[in-house]
Amino acid sequence: MFWLSRVQNLSNDEIAGKLNISKRTVENQITQALRNLRVSYTKLSTVSSR
């Protein structure tokens, strides 16, 4: 879903239709992916700056 949203530039409605799931599920999954990326980036940047 994240790839479809960010790389293929599909809207949440388009992704939901393509995957036959609700728009809300798409929103939740993309939000979770962004949260995970932020946490991973913060950890990585902390380790790199030492």
PDB file of N, CA and C in Angstrom:
ATOM      1  N   MET A   1       0.815  -1.184   0.000  1.00  0.00           N
ATOM      2  CA  MET A   1       0.000   0.000   0.000  1.00  0.00           C
ATOM      3  C   MET A   1       0.862   1.253   0.000  1.00  0.00           C
ATOM      4  N   PHE A   2       1.923   1.216   0.815  1.00  0.00           N
ATOM      5  CA  PHE A   2       2.811   2.380   0.873  1.00  0.00           C
ATOM      6  C   PHE A   2       3.427   2.638  -0.501  1.00  0.00           C
ATOM      7  N   TRP A   3       3.884   1.569  -1.150  1.00  0.00           N
ATOM      8  CA  TRP A   3       4.490   1.689  -2.474  1.00  0.00           C
ATOM      9  C   TRP A   3       3.483   2.255  -3.480  1.00  0.00           C
ATOM     10  N   LEU A   4       2.285   1.737  -3.450  1.00  0.00           N
ATOM     11  CA  LEU A   4       1.250   2.225  -4.366  1.00  0.00           C
ATOM     12  C   LEU A   4       0.964   3.700  -4.135  1.00  0.00           C
ATOM     13  N   SER A   5       0.967   4.109  -2.894  1.00  0.00           N
ATOM     14  CA  SER A   5       0.677   5.495  -2.546  1.00  0.00           C
ATOM     15  C   SER A   5       1.809   6.436  -2.912  1.00  0.00           C
ATOM     16  N   ARG A   6       3.019   6.094  -2.486  1.00  0.00           N
ATOM     17  CA  ARG A   6       4.135   7.027  -2.612  1.00  0.00           C
ATOM     18  C   ARG A   6       4.888   6.932  -3.929  1.00  0.00           C
ATOM     19  N   VAL A   7       5.017   5.734  -4.483  1.00  0.00           N
ATOM     20  CA  VAL A   7       5.793   5.566  -5.715  1.00  0.00           C
ATOM     21  C   VAL A   7       4.891   5.626  -6.952  1.00  0.00           C
ATOM     22  N   GLN A   8       3.759   4.939  -6.875  1.00  0.00           N
ATOM     23  CA  GLN A   8       2.860   4.925  -8.029  1.00  0.00           C
ATOM     24  C   GLN A   8       1.831   6.053  -7.976  1.00  0.00           C
ATOM     25  N   ASN A   9       1.849   6.835  -6.922  1.00  0.00           N
ATOM     26  CA  ASN A   9       0.987   8.016  -6.770  1.00  0.00           C
ATOM     27  C   ASN A   9      -0.500   7.720  -6.894  1.00  0.00           C
ATOM     28  N   LEU A  10      -0.924   6.570  -6.372  1.00  0.00           N
ATOM     29  CA  LEU A  10      -2.349   6.252  -6.368  1.00  0.00           C
ATOM     30  C   LEU A  10      -2.994   6.873  -5.133  1.00  0.00           C
ATOM     31  N   SER A  11      -4.231   7.273  -5.275  1.00  0.00           N
ATOM     32  CA  SER A  11      -4.975   7.805  -4.128  1.00  0.00           C
ATOM     33  C   SER A  11      -5.400   6.644  -3.222  1.00  0.00           C
ATOM     34  N   ASN A  12      -5.794   6.983  -2.020  1.00  0.00           N
ATOM     35  CA  ASN A  12      -6.274   5.956  -1.093  1.00  0.00           C
ATOM     36  C   ASN A  12      -7.494   5.236  -1.658  1.00  0.00           C
ATOM     37  N   ASP A  13      -8.369   5.981  -2.326  1.00  0.00           N
ATOM     38  CA  ASP A  13      -9.546   5.365  -2.953  1.00  0.00           C
ATOM     39  C   ASP A  13      -9.130   4.380  -4.050  1.00  0.00           C
ATOM     40  N   GLU A  14      -8.144   4.763  -4.856  1.00  0.00           N
ATOM     41  CA  GLU A  14      -7.681   3.880  -5.929  1.00  0.00           C
ATOM     42  C   GLU A  14      -7.038   2.612  -5.366  1.00  0.00           C
ATOM     43  N   ILE A  15      -6.248   2.782  -4.314  1.00  0.00           N
ATOM     44  CA  ILE A  15      -5.600   1.623  -3.687  1.00  0.00           C
ATOM     45  C   ILE A  15      -6.654   0.692  -3.103  1.00  0.00           C
ATOM     46  N   ALA A  16      -7.622   1.267  -2.403  1.00  0.00           N
ATOM     47  CA  ALA A  16      -8.684   0.451  -1.804  1.00  0.00           C
ATOM     48  C   ALA A  16      -9.431  -0.333  -2.870  1.00  0.00           C
ATOM     49  N   GLY A  17      -9.747   0.299  -3.969  1.00  0.00           N
ATOM     50  CA  GLY A  17     -10.441  -0.383  -5.060  1.00  0.00           C
ATOM     51  C   GLY A  17      -9.595  -1.481  -5.684  1.00  0.00           C
ATOM     52  N   LYS A  18      -8.323  -1.185  -5.875  1.00  0.00           N
ATOM     53  CA  LYS A  18      -7.408  -2.155  -6.491  1.00  0.00           C
ATOM     54  C   LYS A  18      -7.229  -3.393  -5.614  1.00  0.00           C
ATOM     55  N   LEU A  19      -7.180  -3.188  -4.285  1.00  0.00           N
ATOM     56  CA  LEU A  19      -6.950  -4.286  -3.358  1.00  0.00           C
ATOM     57  C   LEU A  19      -8.238  -4.857  -2.753  1.00  0.00           C
ATOM     58  N   ASN A  20      -9.365  -4.249  -3.119  1.00  0.00           N
ATOM     59  CA  ASN A  20     -10.674  -4.683  -2.625  1.00  0.00           C
ATOM     60  C   ASN A  20     -10.748  -4.646  -1.091  1.00  0.00           C
ATOM     61  N   ILE A  21     -10.294  -3.525  -0.529  1.00  0.00           N
ATOM     62  CA  ILE A  21     -10.353  -3.295   0.913  1.00  0.00           C
ATOM     63  C   ILE A  21     -10.916  -1.899   1.147  1.00  0.00           C
ATOM     64  N   SER A  22     -11.171  -1.563   2.401  1.00  0.00           N
ATOM     65  CA  SER A  22     -11.746  -0.250   2.688  1.00  0.00           C
ATOM     66  C   SER A  22     -10.682   0.850   2.623  1.00  0.00           C
ATOM     67  N   LYS A  23     -11.148   2.046   2.330  1.00  0.00           N
ATOM     68  CA  LYS A  23     -10.262   3.210   2.297  1.00  0.00           C
ATOM     69  C   LYS A  23      -9.630   3.430   3.669  1.00  0.00           C
ATOM     70  N   ARG A  24     -10.384   3.189   4.711  1.00  0.00           N
ATOM     71  CA  ARG A  24      -9.885   3.372   6.077  1.00  0.00           C
ATOM     72  C   ARG A  24      -8.726   2.418   6.370  1.00  0.00           C
ATOM     73  N   THR A  25      -8.796   1.195   5.878  1.00  0.00           N
ATOM     74  CA  THR A  25      -7.695   0.242   6.054  1.00  0.00           C
ATOM     75  C   THR A  25      -6.439   0.764   5.371  1.00  0.00           C
ATOM     76  N   VAL A  26      -6.599   1.294   4.181  1.00  0.00           N
ATOM     77  CA  VAL A  26      -5.458   1.871   3.458  1.00  0.00           C
ATOM     78  C   VAL A  26      -4.857   3.010   4.277  1.00  0.00           C
ATOM     79  N   GLU A  27      -5.686   3.906   4.760  1.00  0.00           N
ATOM     80  CA  GLU A  27      -5.206   5.040   5.562  1.00  0.00           C
ATOM     81  C   GLU A  27      -4.442   4.559   6.794  1.00  0.00           C
ATOM     82  N   ASN A  28      -4.998   3.579   7.491  1.00  0.00           N
ATOM     83  CA  ASN A  28      -4.354   3.053   8.695  1.00  0.00           C
ATOM     84  C   ASN A  28      -3.007   2.411   8.383  1.00  0.00           C
ATOM     85  N   GLN A  29      -2.943   1.642   7.317  1.00  0.00           N
ATOM     86  CA  GLN A  29      -1.706   0.947   6.968  1.00  0.00           C
ATOM     87  C   GLN A  29      -0.613   1.921   6.536  1.00  0.00           C
ATOM     88  N   ILE A  30      -0.979   2.941   5.778  1.00  0.00           N
ATOM     89  CA  ILE A  30       0.009   3.938   5.350  1.00  0.00           C
ATOM     90  C   ILE A  30       0.494   4.740   6.550  1.00  0.00           C
ATOM     91  N   THR A  31      -0.407   5.087   7.453  1.00  0.00           N
ATOM     92  CA  THR A  31      -0.019   5.793   8.672  1.00  0.00           C
ATOM     93  C   THR A  31       0.958   4.956   9.484  1.00  0.00           C
ATOM     94  N   GLN A  32       0.691   3.679   9.616  1.00  0.00           N
ATOM     95  CA  GLN A  32       1.579   2.779  10.362  1.00  0.00           C
ATOM     96  C   GLN A  32       2.939   2.663   9.675  1.00  0.00           C
ATOM     97  N   ALA A  33       2.949   2.569   8.369  1.00  0.00           N
ATOM     98  CA  ALA A  33       4.219   2.482   7.626  1.00  0.00           C
ATOM     99  C   ALA A  33       5.046   3.744   7.829  1.00  0.00           C
ATOM    100  N   LEU A  34       4.414   4.907   7.768  1.00  0.00           N
ATOM    101  CA  LEU A  34       5.134   6.169   7.988  1.00  0.00           C
ATOM    102  C   LEU A  34       5.678   6.256   9.401  1.00  0.00           C
ATOM    103  N   ARG A  35       4.900   5.815  10.362  1.00  0.00           N
ATOM    104  CA  ARG A  35       5.342   5.813  11.760  1.00  0.00           C
ATOM    105  C   ARG A  35       6.576   4.920  11.922  1.00  0.00           C
ATOM    106  N   ASN A  36       6.525   3.730  11.335  1.00  0.00           N
ATOM    107  CA  ASN A  36       7.662   2.806  11.408  1.00  0.00           C
ATOM    108  C   ASN A  36       8.898   3.386  10.732  1.00  0.00           C
ATOM    109  N   LEU A  37       8.721   4.037   9.603  1.00  0.00           N
ATOM    110  CA  LEU A  37       9.854   4.653   8.917  1.00  0.00           C
ATOM    111  C   LEU A  37      10.478   5.766   9.757  1.00  0.00           C
ATOM    112  N   ARG A  38       9.628   6.575  10.390  1.00  0.00           N
ATOM    113  CA  ARG A  38      10.142   7.655  11.244  1.00  0.00           C
ATOM    114  C   ARG A  38      10.958   7.106  12.403  1.00  0.00           C
ATOM    115  N   VAL A  39      10.460   6.075  13.051  1.00  0.00           N
ATOM    116  CA  VAL A  39      11.168   5.466  14.181  1.00  0.00           C
ATOM    117  C   VAL A  39      12.488   4.872  13.706  1.00  0.00           C
ATOM    118  N   SER A  40      12.465   4.154  12.600  1.00  0.00           N
ATOM    119  CA  SER A  40      13.687   3.544  12.071  1.00  0.00           C
ATOM    120  C   SER A  40      14.697   4.606  11.667  1.00  0.00           C
ATOM    121  N   TYR A  41      14.232   5.669  11.039  1.00  0.00           N
ATOM    122  CA  TYR A  41      15.128   6.745  10.624  1.00  0.00           C
ATOM    123  C   TYR A  41      15.763   7.418  11.833  1.00  0.00           C
ATOM    124  N   THR A  42      14.971   7.651  12.869  1.00  0.00           N
ATOM    125  CA  THR A  42      15.489   8.275  14.088  1.00  0.00           C
ATOM    126  C   THR A  42      16.565   7.394  14.719  1.00  0.00           C
ATOM    127  N   LYS A  43      16.312   6.100  14.792  1.00  0.00           N
ATOM    128  CA  LYS A  43      17.301   5.172  15.353  1.00  0.00           C
ATOM    129  C   LYS A  43      18.565   5.158  14.500  1.00  0.00           C
ATOM    130  N   LEU A  44      18.407   5.126  13.190  1.00  0.00           N
ATOM    131  CA  LEU A  44      19.543   5.081  12.282  1.00  0.00           C
ATOM    132  C   LEU A  44      20.362   6.371  12.369  1.00  0.00           C
ATOM    133  N   SER A  45      19.687   7.507  12.397  1.00  0.00           N
ATOM    134  CA  SER A  45      20.408   8.782  12.451  1.00  0.00           C
ATOM    135  C   SER A  45      21.109   8.956  13.792  1.00  0.00           C
ATOM    136  N   THR A  46      20.568   8.392  14.858  1.00  0.00           N
ATOM    137  CA  THR A  46      21.198   8.454  16.166  1.00  0.00           C
ATOM    138  C   THR A  46      22.480   7.621  16.179  1.00  0.00           C
ATOM    139  N   VAL A  47      22.430   6.441  15.576  1.00  0.00           N
ATOM    140  CA  VAL A  47      23.593   5.566  15.514  1.00  0.00           C
ATOM    141  C   VAL A  47      24.662   6.186  14.605  1.00  0.00           C
ATOM    142  N   SER A  48      24.259   6.786  13.509  1.00  0.00           N
ATOM    143  CA  SER A  48      25.199   7.357  12.548  1.00  0.00           C
ATOM    144  C   SER A  48      25.932   8.569  13.085  1.00  0.00           C
ATOM    145  N   SER A  49      25.329   9.295  14.015  1.00  0.00           N
ATOM    146  CA  SER A  49      25.930  10.535  14.503  1.00  0.00           C
ATOM    147  C   SER A  49      26.931  10.302  15.634  1.00  0.00           C
ATOM    148  N   ARG A  50      27.121   9.082  16.037  1.00  0.00           N
ATOM    149  CA  ARG A  50      28.038   8.806  17.144  1.00  0.00           C
ATOM    150  C   ARG A  50      29.463   8.882  16.723  1.00  0.00           C
TER     151      ARG A  50
END
